[in-house]
Amino acid sequence: MYRNPLKKGRRCVVLADGFYEWQKMEKGQKQPYFLYFNESKKGVVKEMEEEKRVTPRILTMAGIFDRWTPPKTAEDQEPIYSYSIITVEASKSINWLHDRMPAILDGNEAVEKWLY
């Protein structure tokens, strides 16, 4: 599924304020956590209460994209564009919550390295 976009160099950067992870609770319930980078310190922090939230730094996450063109038999079909966010093993600061997290590109140099 992802081999073709990677071979074609279809890498992208996905921008976001943060991302959600869901902690599994007892009885099948899940607790959402909004994770973001705080402007004043490095690392991912979790938001538990709205009043403690600070202005997040924009996250730059590694992604891949693709374009699918429907078969010639389909009339007036526009190409479909899609993307996926690359995930990696969770950092020590959030591995208690989930075992995976987005591949975060920290700084312009990391973004350029991913894209080129």
Protein backbone atom coordinates (compact mmCIF):
# COMPACT_ATOMS: atom_id res chain seq x y z
CA MET A 1 0.00 0.00 0.00
CA TYR A 2 2.76 2.47 0.93
CA ARG A 3 5.56 1.08 -1.21
CA ASN A 4 4.42 2.82 -4.39
CA PRO A 5 4.16 6.37 -2.93
CA LEU A 6 7.56 5.96 -1.27
CA LYS A 7 9.15 4.74 -4.52
CA LYS A 8 7.69 7.74 -6.34
CA GLY A 9 9.05 10.15 -3.72
CA ARG A 10 5.59 11.24 -2.63
CA ARG A 11 6.57 12.50 0.77
CA CYS A 12 4.76 15.35 2.47
CA VAL A 13 4.62 17.24 5.74
CA VAL A 14 1.36 17.26 7.70
CA LEU A 15 0.81 20.32 9.90
CA ALA A 16 -1.27 20.19 13.08
CA ASP A 17 -1.70 21.81 16.49
CA GLY A 18 -1.43 18.37 18.09
CA PHE A 19 -2.84 14.88 17.94
CA TYR A 20 -5.12 12.65 19.99
CA GLU A 21 -4.27 9.34 21.58
CA TRP A 22 -6.80 7.23 23.39
CA GLN A 23 -5.93 5.45 26.62
CA LYS A 24 -7.73 2.15 27.08
CA MET A 25 -9.68 2.06 30.31
CA GLU A 26 -11.56 -0.74 32.03
CA LYS A 27 -14.80 -2.05 30.54
CA GLY A 28 -13.76 -1.09 27.00
CA GLN A 29 -13.92 2.64 27.65
CA LYS A 30 -11.27 5.01 26.27
CA GLN A 31 -9.93 8.30 27.64
CA PRO A 32 -8.85 10.85 24.98
CA TYR A 33 -5.67 12.88 25.44
CA PHE A 34 -4.72 15.79 23.20
CA LEU A 35 -0.94 15.80 22.83
CA TYR A 36 0.97 18.86 21.64
CA PHE A 37 4.32 20.61 21.85
CA ASN A 38 4.50 23.44 24.35
CA GLU A 39 6.20 26.58 23.01
CA SER A 40 8.25 27.03 26.16
CA LYS A 41 9.81 23.58 26.48
CA LYS A 42 10.78 20.64 24.32
CA GLY A 43 8.74 17.48 24.31
CA VAL A 44 5.18 16.34 24.05
CA VAL A 45 2.85 17.29 26.88
CA LYS A 46 -0.64 16.01 27.53
CA GLU A 47 -3.68 18.11 28.10
CA MET A 48 -5.93 16.97 30.91
CA GLU A 49 -7.70 20.20 31.77
CA GLU A 50 -8.60 22.95 29.30
CA GLU A 51 -7.46 25.74 31.66
CA LYS A 52 -3.89 24.39 31.72
CA ARG A 53 -3.55 24.52 27.95
CA VAL A 54 -0.95 26.84 26.50
CA THR A 55 -0.49 27.94 22.90
CA PRO A 56 0.89 24.92 21.08
CA ARG A 57 3.69 25.03 18.56
CA ILE A 58 2.68 23.79 15.12
CA LEU A 59 3.67 20.14 14.73
CA THR A 60 5.31 19.04 11.50
CA MET A 61 4.70 15.33 10.94
CA ALA A 62 6.15 13.05 8.27
CA GLY A 63 3.61 11.82 5.76
CA ILE A 64 3.19 10.24 2.36
CA PHE A 65 0.58 11.02 -0.26
CA ASP A 66 -0.82 9.41 -3.37
CA ARG A 67 -3.15 10.13 -6.23
CA TRP A 68 -5.53 7.50 -7.56
CA THR A 69 -7.18 7.90 -10.93
CA PRO A 70 -10.42 5.96 -11.42
CA PRO A 71 -10.66 3.54 -14.38
CA LYS A 72 -11.38 5.06 -17.79
CA THR A 73 -14.89 3.55 -17.68
CA ALA A 74 -15.93 5.84 -14.82
CA GLU A 75 -17.53 9.02 -16.16
CA ASP A 76 -16.56 12.41 -14.78
CA GLN A 77 -14.42 10.87 -12.06
CA GLU A 78 -11.89 13.22 -10.51
CA PRO A 79 -8.60 11.88 -9.15
CA ILE A 80 -8.64 11.03 -5.45
CA TYR A 81 -5.81 12.40 -3.32
CA SER A 82 -5.00 10.82 0.04
CA TYR A 83 -2.27 10.92 2.66
CA SER A 84 -1.09 8.95 5.67
CA ILE A 85 0.95 10.05 8.65
CA ILE A 86 4.07 7.97 9.31
CA THR A 87 4.18 6.56 12.83
CA VAL A 88 7.11 5.47 14.97
CA GLU A 89 7.61 3.87 18.36
CA ALA A 90 6.28 6.18 21.09
CA SER A 91 8.74 8.37 22.99
CA LYS A 92 9.41 7.68 26.65
CA SER A 93 7.19 10.61 27.65
CA ILE A 94 4.03 9.05 26.17
CA ASN A 95 4.65 5.31 25.93
CA TRP A 96 2.48 4.85 29.02
CA LEU A 97 -0.43 6.03 26.86
CA HIS A 98 0.22 4.37 23.50
CA ASP A 99 2.98 2.35 21.81
CA ARG A 100 3.02 4.47 18.60
CA MET A 101 3.09 8.17 17.75
CA PRO A 102 3.43 10.33 14.62
CA ALA A 103 6.93 10.78 13.22
CA ILE A 104 7.52 14.39 14.26
CA LEU A 105 9.93 16.45 12.18
CA ASP A 106 11.57 18.86 14.62
CA GLY A 107 12.85 21.93 12.78
CA ASN A 108 13.50 23.00 9.21
CA GLU A 109 16.49 20.71 8.79
CA ALA A 110 14.41 17.61 9.66
CA VAL A 111 11.63 18.74 7.28
CA GLU A 112 14.10 19.24 4.43
CA LYS A 113 15.77 15.89 5.10
CA TRP A 114 12.38 14.13 4.97
CA LEU A 115 11.24 15.86 1.78
CA TYR A 116 14.51 15.62 -0.17
